[in-house]
Each structure stands twice: as structure tokens, then as C-alpha cells.
PDB file of N, CA and C in Angstrom:
ATOM      1  N   MET A   1      43.454  86.229 -62.183  1.00  0.00           N
ATOM      2  CA  MET A   1      44.157  87.011 -63.536  1.00  0.00           C
ATOM      3  C   MET A   1      44.501  88.314 -62.702  1.00  0.00           C
ATOM      4  N   LYS A   2      45.761  88.573 -62.921  1.00  0.00           N
ATOM      5  CA  LYS A   2      46.420  89.725 -62.615  1.00  0.00           C
ATOM      6  C   LYS A   2      46.502  90.831 -63.945  1.00  0.00           C
ATOM      7  N   LEU A   3      46.495  91.825 -63.410  1.00  0.00           N
ATOM      8  CA  LEU A   3      46.849  92.970 -64.440  1.00  0.00           C
ATOM      9  C   LEU A   3      47.928  93.408 -64.818  1.00  0.00           C
ATOM     10  N   ALA A   4      48.437  93.909 -65.621  1.00  0.00           N
ATOM     11  CA  ALA A   4      49.773  94.604 -65.737  1.00  0.00           C
ATOM     12  C   ALA A   4      49.547  95.633 -66.981  1.00  0.00           C
ATOM     13  N   PHE A   5      50.503  96.752 -67.229  1.00  0.00           N
ATOM     14  CA  PHE A   5      50.285  97.633 -67.980  1.00  0.00           C
ATOM     15  C   PHE A   5      51.709  97.740 -68.332  1.00  0.00           C
ATOM     16  N   ALA A   6      52.143  97.366 -70.082  1.00  0.00           N
ATOM     17  CA  ALA A   6      53.383  97.862 -70.689  1.00  0.00           C
ATOM     18  C   ALA A   6      53.411  99.508 -70.416  1.00  0.00           C
ATOM     19  N   ARG A   7      54.706 100.075 -70.652  1.00  0.00           N
ATOM     20  CA  ARG A   7      54.893 101.224 -70.348  1.00  0.00           C
ATOM     21  C   ARG A   7      54.126 102.154 -71.741  1.00  0.00           C
ATOM     22  N   GLU A   8      54.414 101.364 -72.849  1.00  0.00           N
ATOM     23  CA  GLU A   8      53.567 102.023 -73.775  1.00  0.00           C
ATOM     24  C   GLU A   8      52.039 102.533 -73.417  1.00  0.00           C
ATOM     25  N   ALA A   9      51.577 101.420 -72.660  1.00  0.00           N
ATOM     26  CA  ALA A   9      49.694 101.629 -72.623  1.00  0.00           C
ATOM     27  C   ALA A   9      49.804 102.743 -71.336  1.00  0.00           C
ATOM     28  N   ARG A  10      50.810 102.906 -70.444  1.00  0.00           N
ATOM     29  CA  ARG A  10      50.490 104.140 -69.420  1.00  0.00           C
ATOM     30  C   ARG A  10      50.559 105.148 -70.224  1.00  0.00           C
ATOM     31  N   ASN A  11      51.753 105.337 -70.875  1.00  0.00           N
ATOM     32  CA  ASN A  11      51.789 106.613 -71.782  1.00  0.00           C
ATOM     33  C   ASN A  11      50.625 106.674 -72.627  1.00  0.00           C
ATOM     34  N   ASP A  12      50.161 105.651 -73.406  1.00  0.00           N
ATOM     35  CA  ASP A  12      48.878 106.074 -74.128  1.00  0.00           C
ATOM     36  C   ASP A  12      47.725 106.743 -73.064  1.00  0.00           C
ATOM     37  N   LEU A  13      47.556 105.938 -71.939  1.00  0.00           N
ATOM     38  CA  LEU A  13      46.422 106.456 -70.702  1.00  0.00           C
ATOM     39  C   LEU A  13      46.602 108.073 -70.411  1.00  0.00           C
ATOM     40  N   VAL A  14      48.002 108.360 -70.322  1.00  0.00           N
ATOM     41  CA  VAL A  14      48.245 109.610 -69.780  1.00  0.00           C
ATOM     42  C   VAL A  14      48.019 110.772 -70.712  1.00  0.00           C
ATOM     43  N   ARG A  15      48.524 110.334 -72.099  1.00  0.00           N
ATOM     44  CA  ARG A  15      48.187 110.778 -73.499  1.00  0.00           C
ATOM     45  C   ARG A  15      46.796 111.140 -73.837  1.00  0.00           C
ATOM     46  N   LEU A  16      46.076 110.352 -73.729  1.00  0.00           N
ATOM     47  CA  LEU A  16      44.523 110.444 -73.807  1.00  0.00           C
ATOM     48  C   LEU A  16      44.122 111.397 -72.848  1.00  0.00           C
ATOM     49  N   ARG A  17      44.148 111.122 -71.742  1.00  0.00           N
ATOM     50  CA  ARG A  17      43.711 112.016 -70.600  1.00  0.00           C
ATOM     51  C   ARG A  17      43.680 113.592 -71.114  1.00  0.00           C
ATOM     52  N   ALA A  18      45.409 113.633 -71.182  1.00  0.00           N
ATOM     53  CA  ALA A  18      45.821 115.311 -71.087  1.00  0.00           C
ATOM     54  C   ALA A  18      45.003 115.492 -72.228  1.00  0.00           C
ATOM     55  N   PHE A  19      44.764 114.834 -73.450  1.00  0.00           N
ATOM     56  CA  PHE A  19      44.227 115.390 -74.666  1.00  0.00           C
ATOM     57  C   PHE A  19      42.719 115.972 -74.345  1.00  0.00           C
ATOM     58  N   ILE A  20      41.957 115.276 -73.834  1.00  0.00           N
ATOM     59  CA  ILE A  20      40.657 115.615 -73.095  1.00  0.00           C
ATOM     60  C   ILE A  20      40.484 116.934 -72.425  1.00  0.00           C
ATOM     61  N   ALA A  21      41.884 116.578 -71.452  1.00  0.00           N
ATOM     62  CA  ALA A  21      41.363 117.591 -69.971  1.00  0.00           C
ATOM     63  C   ALA A  21      41.610 118.973 -70.634  1.00  0.00           C
ATOM     64  N   VAL A  22      42.306 119.188 -71.589  1.00  0.00           N
ATOM     65  CA  VAL A  22      42.532 120.367 -72.188  1.00  0.00           C
ATOM     66  C   VAL A  22      41.140 121.475 -72.338  1.00  0.00           C
ATOM     67  N   HIS A  23      39.988 120.355 -73.065  1.00  0.00           N
ATOM     68  CA  HIS A  23      39.068 121.061 -73.034  1.00  0.00           C
ATOM     69  C   HIS A  23      38.007 120.962 -72.047  1.00  0.00           C
ATOM     70  N   ASP A  24      38.152 119.857 -71.208  1.00  0.00           N
ATOM     71  CA  ASP A  24      36.987 119.385 -70.183  1.00  0.00           C
ATOM     72  C   ASP A  24      37.627 118.447 -69.464  1.00  0.00           C
ATOM     73  N   PRO A  25      38.307 118.905 -68.051  1.00  0.00           N
ATOM     74  CA  PRO A  25      39.052 118.111 -67.303  1.00  0.00           C
ATOM     75  C   PRO A  25      38.143 117.141 -66.727  1.00  0.00           C
ATOM     76  N   ALA A  26      36.829 117.245 -66.500  1.00  0.00           N
ATOM     77  CA  ALA A  26      35.628 116.391 -65.640  1.00  0.00           C
ATOM     78  C   ALA A  26      35.567 115.462 -66.876  1.00  0.00           C
ATOM     79  N   ALA A  27      35.353 115.338 -68.311  1.00  0.00           N
ATOM     80  CA  ALA A  27      35.251 114.714 -69.248  1.00  0.00           C
ATOM     81  C   ALA A  27      36.520 113.662 -69.517  1.00  0.00           C
ATOM     82  N   ALA A  28      37.844 114.136 -69.079  1.00  0.00           N
ATOM     83  CA  ALA A  28      38.946 113.447 -68.757  1.00  0.00           C
ATOM     84  C   ALA A  28      39.037 112.482 -67.740  1.00  0.00           C
ATOM     85  N   ALA A  29      38.408 112.778 -66.847  1.00  0.00           N
ATOM     86  CA  ALA A  29      38.183 111.935 -65.565  1.00  0.00           C
ATOM     87  C   ALA A  29      37.367 110.932 -65.815  1.00  0.00           C
ATOM     88  N   ARG A  30      36.172 111.237 -66.299  1.00  0.00           N
ATOM     89  CA  ARG A  30      35.015 110.383 -66.591  1.00  0.00           C
ATOM     90  C   ARG A  30      35.539 108.973 -67.634  1.00  0.00           C
ATOM     91  N   ALA A  31      36.298 109.706 -68.764  1.00  0.00           N
ATOM     92  CA  ALA A  31      36.681 108.877 -69.642  1.00  0.00           C
ATOM     93  C   ALA A  31      38.037 107.804 -69.094  1.00  0.00           C
ATOM     94  N   ALA A  32      39.097 108.426 -68.092  1.00  0.00           N
ATOM     95  CA  ALA A  32      39.844 107.368 -67.646  1.00  0.00           C
ATOM     96  C   ALA A  32      39.214 106.457 -66.506  1.00  0.00           C
ATOM     97  N   ARG A  33      38.120 106.880 -65.978  1.00  0.00           N
ATOM     98  CA  ARG A  33      37.343 105.802 -65.247  1.00  0.00           C
ATOM     99  C   ARG A  33      36.463 104.439 -65.982  1.00  0.00           C
ATOM    100  N   ARG A  34      36.252 105.047 -67.123  1.00  0.00           N
ATOM    101  CA  ARG A  34      35.507 103.958 -67.880  1.00  0.00           C
ATOM    102  C   ARG A  34      36.801 103.364 -68.331  1.00  0.00           C
ATOM    103  N   LEU A  35      37.536 103.741 -69.046  1.00  0.00           N
ATOM    104  CA  LEU A  35      38.577 102.672 -69.423  1.00  0.00           C
ATOM    105  C   LEU A  35      39.026 101.654 -68.567  1.00  0.00           C
ATOM    106  N   ILE A  36      39.581 102.301 -67.316  1.00  0.00           N
ATOM    107  CA  ILE A  36      40.080 101.347 -66.076  1.00  0.00           C
ATOM    108  C   ILE A  36      38.893 100.296 -65.748  1.00  0.00           C
ATOM    109  N   ARG A  37      37.644 100.600 -65.754  1.00  0.00           N
ATOM    110  CA  ARG A  37      36.921  99.958 -65.366  1.00  0.00           C
ATOM    111  C   ARG A  37      36.343  98.837 -66.527  1.00  0.00           C
ATOM    112  N   GLY A  38      36.705  99.122 -67.907  1.00  0.00           N
ATOM    113  CA  GLY A  38      36.852  98.202 -69.021  1.00  0.00           C
ATOM    114  C   GLY A  38      37.552  97.329 -68.719  1.00  0.00           C
ATOM    115  N   ILE A  39      39.005  97.768 -68.585  1.00  0.00           N
ATOM    116  CA  ILE A  39      40.533  97.354 -68.573  1.00  0.00           C
ATOM    117  C   ILE A  39      40.378  95.873 -67.237  1.00  0.00           C
ATOM    118  N   GLU A  40      39.429  96.706 -66.359  1.00  0.00           N
ATOM    119  CA  GLU A  40      39.200  95.511 -65.339  1.00  0.00           C
ATOM    120  C   GLU A  40      38.750  94.524 -65.531  1.00  0.00           C
ATOM    121  N   ARG A  41      37.849  94.294 -66.190  1.00  0.00           N
ATOM    122  CA  ARG A  41      37.023  93.533 -66.768  1.00  0.00           C
ATOM    123  C   ARG A  41      37.667  92.378 -67.437  1.00  0.00           C
ATOM    124  N   LEU A  42      38.619  92.301 -67.896  1.00  0.00           N
ATOM    125  CA  LEU A  42      39.455  91.751 -68.712  1.00  0.00           C
ATOM    126  C   LEU A  42      40.036  90.498 -67.605  1.00  0.00           C
ATOM    127  N   MET A  43      39.881  91.009 -66.263  1.00  0.00           N
ATOM    128  CA  MET A  43      40.865  90.309 -65.129  1.00  0.00           C
ATOM    129  C   MET A  43      39.959  88.896 -64.793  1.00  0.00           C
ATOM    130  N   ARG A  44      38.687  88.921 -65.408  1.00  0.00           N
ATOM    131  CA  ARG A  44      37.782  88.185 -64.932  1.00  0.00           C
ATOM    132  C   ARG A  44      37.272  87.212 -66.307  1.00  0.00           C
ATOM    133  N   PHE A  45      37.607  88.105 -67.393  1.00  0.00           N
ATOM    134  CA  PHE A  45      36.959  87.417 -68.824  1.00  0.00           C
ATOM    135  C   PHE A  45      38.086  87.762 -69.545  1.00  0.00           C
ATOM    136  N   PRO A  46      39.522  87.258 -69.709  1.00  0.00           N
ATOM    137  CA  PRO A  46      40.275  87.694 -70.494  1.00  0.00           C
ATOM    138  C   PRO A  46      39.996  87.532 -72.010  1.00  0.00           C
ATOM    139  N   ARG A  47      39.352  86.417 -72.482  1.00  0.00           N
ATOM    140  CA  ARG A  47      39.001  86.413 -73.678  1.00  0.00           C
ATOM    141  C   ARG A  47      37.864  86.952 -74.304  1.00  0.00           C
ATOM    142  N   LEU A  48      37.431  88.237 -73.563  1.00  0.00           N
ATOM    143  CA  LEU A  48      36.336  89.137 -74.216  1.00  0.00           C
ATOM    144  C   LEU A  48      36.882  89.690 -75.737  1.00  0.00           C
ATOM    145  N   GLY A  49      38.218  90.007 -75.683  1.00  0.00           N
ATOM    146  CA  GLY A  49      38.336  90.568 -76.844  1.00  0.00           C
ATOM    147  C   GLY A  49      38.489  90.178 -78.012  1.00  0.00           C
ATOM    148  N   ARG A  50      38.675  90.594 -79.345  1.00  0.00           N
ATOM    149  CA  ARG A  50      38.740  89.953 -80.555  1.00  0.00           C
ATOM    150  C   ARG A  50      40.585  89.676 -80.758  1.00  0.00           C
ATOM    151  N   ARG A  51      40.470  88.407 -81.372  1.00  0.00           N
ATOM    152  CA  ARG A  51      41.764  88.324 -81.958  1.00  0.00           C
ATOM    153  C   ARG A  51      42.453  89.476 -83.039  1.00  0.00           C
ATOM    154  N   VAL A  52      43.755  89.601 -82.947  1.00  0.00           N
ATOM    155  CA  VAL A  52      44.077  90.665 -83.671  1.00  0.00           C
ATOM    156  C   VAL A  52      44.605  90.412 -85.204  1.00  0.00           C
ATOM    157  N   ASN A  53      43.883  90.870 -86.135  1.00  0.00           N
ATOM    158  CA  ASN A  53      44.477  90.659 -87.481  1.00  0.00           C
ATOM    159  C   ASN A  53      45.697  91.381 -87.835  1.00  0.00           C
ATOM    160  N   ILE A  54      46.623  90.799 -88.059  1.00  0.00           N
ATOM    161  CA  ILE A  54      47.986  91.339 -88.259  1.00  0.00           C
ATOM    162  C   ILE A  54      48.190  91.307 -90.090  1.00  0.00           C
ATOM    163  N   GLY A  55      47.430  91.004 -90.859  1.00  0.00           N
ATOM    164  CA  GLY A  55      47.537  90.730 -92.333  1.00  0.00           C
ATOM    165  C   GLY A  55      46.639  90.283 -92.759  1.00  0.00           C
ATOM    166  N   PRO A  56      46.412  90.301 -94.386  1.00  0.00           N
ATOM    167  CA  PRO A  56      45.591  89.781 -94.909  1.00  0.00           C
ATOM    168  C   PRO A  56      45.113  88.245 -95.090  1.00  0.00           C
ATOM    169  N   GLY A  57      44.378  87.991 -94.420  1.00  0.00           N
ATOM    170  CA  GLY A  57      43.829  86.451 -93.915  1.00  0.00           C
ATOM    171  C   GLY A  57      44.687  85.786 -93.034  1.00  0.00           C
ATOM    172  N   GLU A  58      45.486  86.627 -92.298  1.00  0.00           N
ATOM    173  CA  GLU A  58      46.187  86.331 -91.042  1.00  0.00           C
ATOM    174  C   GLU A  58      45.869  87.114 -89.600  1.00  0.00           C
ATOM    175  N   VAL A  59      45.796  86.081 -88.579  1.00  0.00           N
ATOM    176  CA  VAL A  59      45.480  86.927 -87.226  1.00  0.00           C
ATOM    177  C   VAL A  59      46.963  86.666 -86.557  1.00  0.00           C
ATOM    178  N   ALA A  60      46.940  87.086 -85.391  1.00  0.00           N
ATOM    179  CA  ALA A  60      48.132  87.109 -84.697  1.00  0.00           C
ATOM    180  C   ALA A  60      47.747  86.062 -83.658  1.00  0.00           C
ATOM    181  N   PRO A  61      48.551  85.438 -82.977  1.00  0.00           N
ATOM    182  CA  PRO A  61      48.435  84.569 -81.832  1.00  0.00           C
ATOM    183  C   PRO A  61      47.456  84.725 -81.024  1.00  0.00           C
ATOM    184  N   ASP A  62      46.545  83.829 -80.453  1.00  0.00           N
ATOM    185  CA  ASP A  62      45.144  84.134 -79.782  1.00  0.00           C
ATOM    186  C   ASP A  62      45.410  84.947 -78.749  1.00  0.00           C
ATOM    187  N   GLU A  63      46.421  84.848 -77.955  1.00  0.00           N
ATOM    188  CA  GLU A  63      46.806  85.418 -77.143  1.00  0.00           C
ATOM    189  C   GLU A  63      46.774  87.100 -77.184  1.00  0.00           C
ATOM    190  N   ILE A  64      46.998  87.721 -78.142  1.00  0.00           N
ATOM    191  CA  ILE A  64      46.914  89.023 -78.489  1.00  0.00           C
ATOM    192  C   ILE A  64      45.472  89.472 -78.777  1.00  0.00           C
ATOM    193  N   ARG A  65      44.784  90.398 -78.091  1.00  0.00           N
ATOM    194  CA  ARG A  65      43.458  90.469 -78.215  1.00  0.00           C
ATOM    195  C   ARG A  65      43.519  92.485 -78.292  1.00  0.00           C
ATOM    196  N   ASP A  66      42.186  92.659 -79.007  1.00  0.00           N
ATOM    197  CA  ASP A  66      41.642  93.737 -79.121  1.00  0.00           C
ATOM    198  C   ASP A  66      40.274  94.018 -78.405  1.00  0.00           C
ATOM    199  N   TRP A  67      39.967  94.922 -77.580  1.00  0.00           N
ATOM    200  CA  TRP A  67      39.036  95.016 -76.612  1.00  0.00           C
ATOM    201  C   TRP A  67      38.336  96.514 -76.579  1.00  0.00           C
ATOM    202  N   PRO A  68      37.282  96.584 -77.340  1.00  0.00           N
ATOM    203  CA  PRO A  68      36.741  97.979 -77.184  1.00  0.00           C
ATOM    204  C   PRO A  68      36.103  98.394 -75.864  1.00  0.00           C
ATOM    205  N   VAL A  69      36.674  99.743 -75.318  1.00  0.00           N
ATOM    206  CA  VAL A  69      35.969 100.066 -74.363  1.00  0.00           C
ATOM    207  C   VAL A  69      35.490 101.542 -74.550  1.00  0.00           C
ATOM    208  N   GLY A  70      34.254 101.691 -74.925  1.00  0.00           N
ATOM    209  CA  GLY A  70      33.511 102.962 -75.262  1.00  0.00           C
ATOM    210  C   GLY A  70      34.458 103.303 -76.916  1.00  0.00           C
ATOM    211  N   ASP A  71      34.504 104.225 -76.782  1.00  0.00           N
ATOM    212  CA  ASP A  71      35.160 104.880 -78.120  1.00  0.00           C
ATOM    213  C   ASP A  71      36.797 104.481 -78.308  1.00  0.00           C
ATOM    214  N   TYR A  72      37.211 103.644 -77.515  1.00  0.00           N
ATOM    215  CA  TYR A  72      38.531 103.615 -77.000  1.00  0.00           C
ATOM    216  C   TYR A  72      38.918 101.309 -77.569  1.00  0.00           C
ATOM    217  N   VAL A  73      40.173 101.581 -77.962  1.00  0.00           N
ATOM    218  CA  VAL A  73      40.532 100.205 -78.259  1.00  0.00           C
ATOM    219  C   VAL A  73      41.907  99.886 -77.266  1.00  0.00           C
ATOM    220  N   VAL A  74      41.719  98.678 -76.395  1.00  0.00           N
ATOM    221  CA  VAL A  74      42.481  98.231 -75.668  1.00  0.00           C
ATOM    222  C   VAL A  74      43.239  97.012 -76.289  1.00  0.00           C
ATOM    223  N   ARG A  75      44.387  96.895 -76.860  1.00  0.00           N
ATOM    224  CA  ARG A  75      45.303  95.812 -77.189  1.00  0.00           C
ATOM    225  C   ARG A  75      45.961  95.234 -75.748  1.00  0.00           C
ATOM    226  N   TYR A  76      45.884  93.834 -75.616  1.00  0.00           N
ATOM    227  CA  TYR A  76      46.571  93.342 -74.694  1.00  0.00           C
ATOM    228  C   TYR A  76      46.513  91.888 -74.984  1.00  0.00           C
ATOM    229  N   LEU A  77      47.689  91.192 -73.971  1.00  0.00           N
ATOM    230  CA  LEU A  77      47.863  89.916 -74.315  1.00  0.00           C
ATOM    231  C   LEU A  77      47.869  89.238 -73.052  1.00  0.00           C
ATOM    232  N   ILE A  78      47.260  87.794 -73.089  1.00  0.00           N
ATOM    233  CA  ILE A  78      47.231  87.039 -72.330  1.00  0.00           C
ATOM    234  C   ILE A  78      48.347  86.329 -72.036  1.00  0.00           C
ATOM    235  N   ALA A  79      49.150  86.304 -70.781  1.00  0.00           N
ATOM    236  CA  ALA A  79      50.250  85.465 -70.477  1.00  0.00           C
ATOM    237  C   ALA A  79      50.360  84.696 -69.337  1.00  0.00           C
ATOM    238  N   GLY A  80      49.653  83.603 -69.311  1.00  0.00           N
ATOM    239  CA  GLY A  80      49.921  82.552 -68.170  1.00  0.00           C
ATOM    240  C   GLY A  80      48.534  83.457 -67.426  1.00  0.00           C
ATOM    241  N   ASP A  81      48.842  83.712 -66.063  1.00  0.00           N
ATOM    242  CA  ASP A  81      48.036  84.099 -65.357  1.00  0.00           C
ATOM    243  C   ASP A  81      47.797  85.639 -65.391  1.00  0.00           C
ATOM    244  N   ARG A  82      48.535  86.251 -66.326  1.00  0.00           N
ATOM    245  CA  ARG A  82      48.387  87.739 -66.322  1.00  0.00           C
ATOM    246  C   ARG A  82      47.900  88.519 -67.731  1.00  0.00           C
ATOM    247  N   VAL A  83      47.020  89.619 -67.532  1.00  0.00           N
ATOM    248  CA  VAL A  83      46.482  90.482 -68.721  1.00  0.00           C
ATOM    249  C   VAL A  83      47.427  91.270 -68.733  1.00  0.00           C
ATOM    250  N   ILE A  84      48.289  91.609 -69.870  1.00  0.00           N
ATOM    251  CA  ILE A  84      48.999  92.645 -70.128  1.00  0.00           C
ATOM    252  C   ILE A  84      48.528  93.498 -71.066  1.00  0.00           C
ATOM    253  N   VAL A  85      48.038  94.865 -70.690  1.00  0.00           N
ATOM    254  CA  VAL A  85      47.989  96.043 -71.828  1.00  0.00           C
ATOM    255  C   VAL A  85      49.027  96.368 -72.462  1.00  0.00           C
ATOM    256  N   LEU A  86      49.039  96.136 -73.296  1.00  0.00           N
ATOM    257  CA  LEU A  86      49.963  96.632 -74.416  1.00  0.00           C
ATOM    258  C   LEU A  86      49.907  98.076 -74.923  1.00  0.00           C
ATOM    259  N   ARG A  87      48.676  98.477 -75.525  1.00  0.00           N
ATOM    260  CA  ARG A  87      48.386  99.974 -75.764  1.00  0.00           C
ATOM    261  C   ARG A  87      46.811 100.379 -75.878  1.00  0.00           C
ATOM    262  N   VAL A  88      46.800 101.419 -75.654  1.00  0.00           N
ATOM    263  CA  VAL A  88      45.313 102.153 -75.740  1.00  0.00           C
ATOM    264  C   VAL A  88      45.277 103.292 -76.769  1.00  0.00           C
ATOM    265  N   TRP A  89      44.080 103.205 -77.477  1.00  0.00           N
ATOM    266  CA  TRP A  89      44.012 104.222 -78.293  1.00  0.00           C
ATOM    267  C   TRP A  89      42.402 104.572 -78.771  1.00  0.00           C
ATOM    268  N   HIS A  90      42.394 105.709 -79.023  1.00  0.00           N
ATOM    269  CA  HIS A  90      40.816 106.152 -79.343  1.00  0.00           C
ATOM    270  C   HIS A  90      40.545 105.549 -80.730  1.00  0.00           C
ATOM    271  N   GLY A  91      39.499 104.927 -80.943  1.00  0.00           N
ATOM    272  CA  GLY A  91      38.917 104.466 -82.096  1.00  0.00           C
ATOM    273  C   GLY A  91      39.259 105.330 -83.333  1.00  0.00           C
ATOM    274  N   ARG A  92      38.984 106.556 -83.272  1.00  0.00           N
ATOM    275  CA  ARG A  92      39.477 107.467 -84.665  1.00  0.00           C
ATOM    276  C   ARG A  92      40.633 107.510 -84.800  1.00  0.00           C
ATOM    277  N   GLU A  93      41.634 107.007 -84.083  1.00  0.00           N
ATOM    278  CA  GLU A  93      43.029 107.470 -84.565  1.00  0.00           C
ATOM    279  C   GLU A  93      43.593 106.657 -85.487  1.00  0.00           C
ATOM    280  N   ARG A  94      44.509 106.972 -86.203  1.00  0.00           N
ATOM    281  CA  ARG A  94      45.090 106.207 -87.275  1.00  0.00           C
ATOM    282  C   ARG A  94      46.365 105.321 -86.730  1.00  0.00           C
ATOM    283  N   ARG A  95      46.081 104.236 -86.871  1.00  0.00           N
ATOM    284  CA  ARG A  95      47.143 103.144 -86.495  1.00  0.00           C
ATOM    285  C   ARG A  95      47.965 102.801 -87.457  1.00  0.00           C
ATOM    286  N   GLY A  96      49.109 102.452 -87.075  1.00  0.00           N
ATOM    287  CA  GLY A  96      50.008 101.720 -88.183  1.00  0.00           C
ATOM    288  C   GLY A  96      51.478 102.116 -88.170  1.00  0.00           C
TER     289      GLY A  96
END
């Protein structure tokens, strides 16, 4: 499997690292490394994540999944021989 990042996911990673770096640059670097390692696991095991719920009693197509990496959630799409990271956020962030 190949790995790709949507523009929004790249922006998310930059935003999250910058937020942490304000208080602790070393912690920001550790969090970034951990996220990348977790995301890279998806290249070998693309179905590790849980299917995304899109509404009451409904789920998104099987190809869209969420993968928890530490305190973060990685939303990704399986498209043929590629894993495309769509978004990344901290688990405590409000999504919607």
C-alpha cells in the first residue's frame, strides 16, 4: 500500500504540532513522530481502523475509517492500493 495525505490532513498535522510546541517543543516532536509511526502502520494493515458512523444507524462506506493513535484520531480512505489520510485531530477536539 502507498500512503498519501490530503491537504487538510497535512494542515491538521502542522496545526497540532504548532499547538503543542507553544508549551513544549520536545513534546510536539514526540507527538508528531508517534502520529507518523501510527499512520505508517496503515500501509501494512489498512483495515485496522473502525468504520466511520455518519448518522444514527448508518455507517460510511467500508473504505472510510478512523484509526486512534494515542490521543489522536486519524480519518483515512482506502482507495485501491493507497491509504489516503483525510484528517487528523485530537480526541478531545469538538468535531462537527
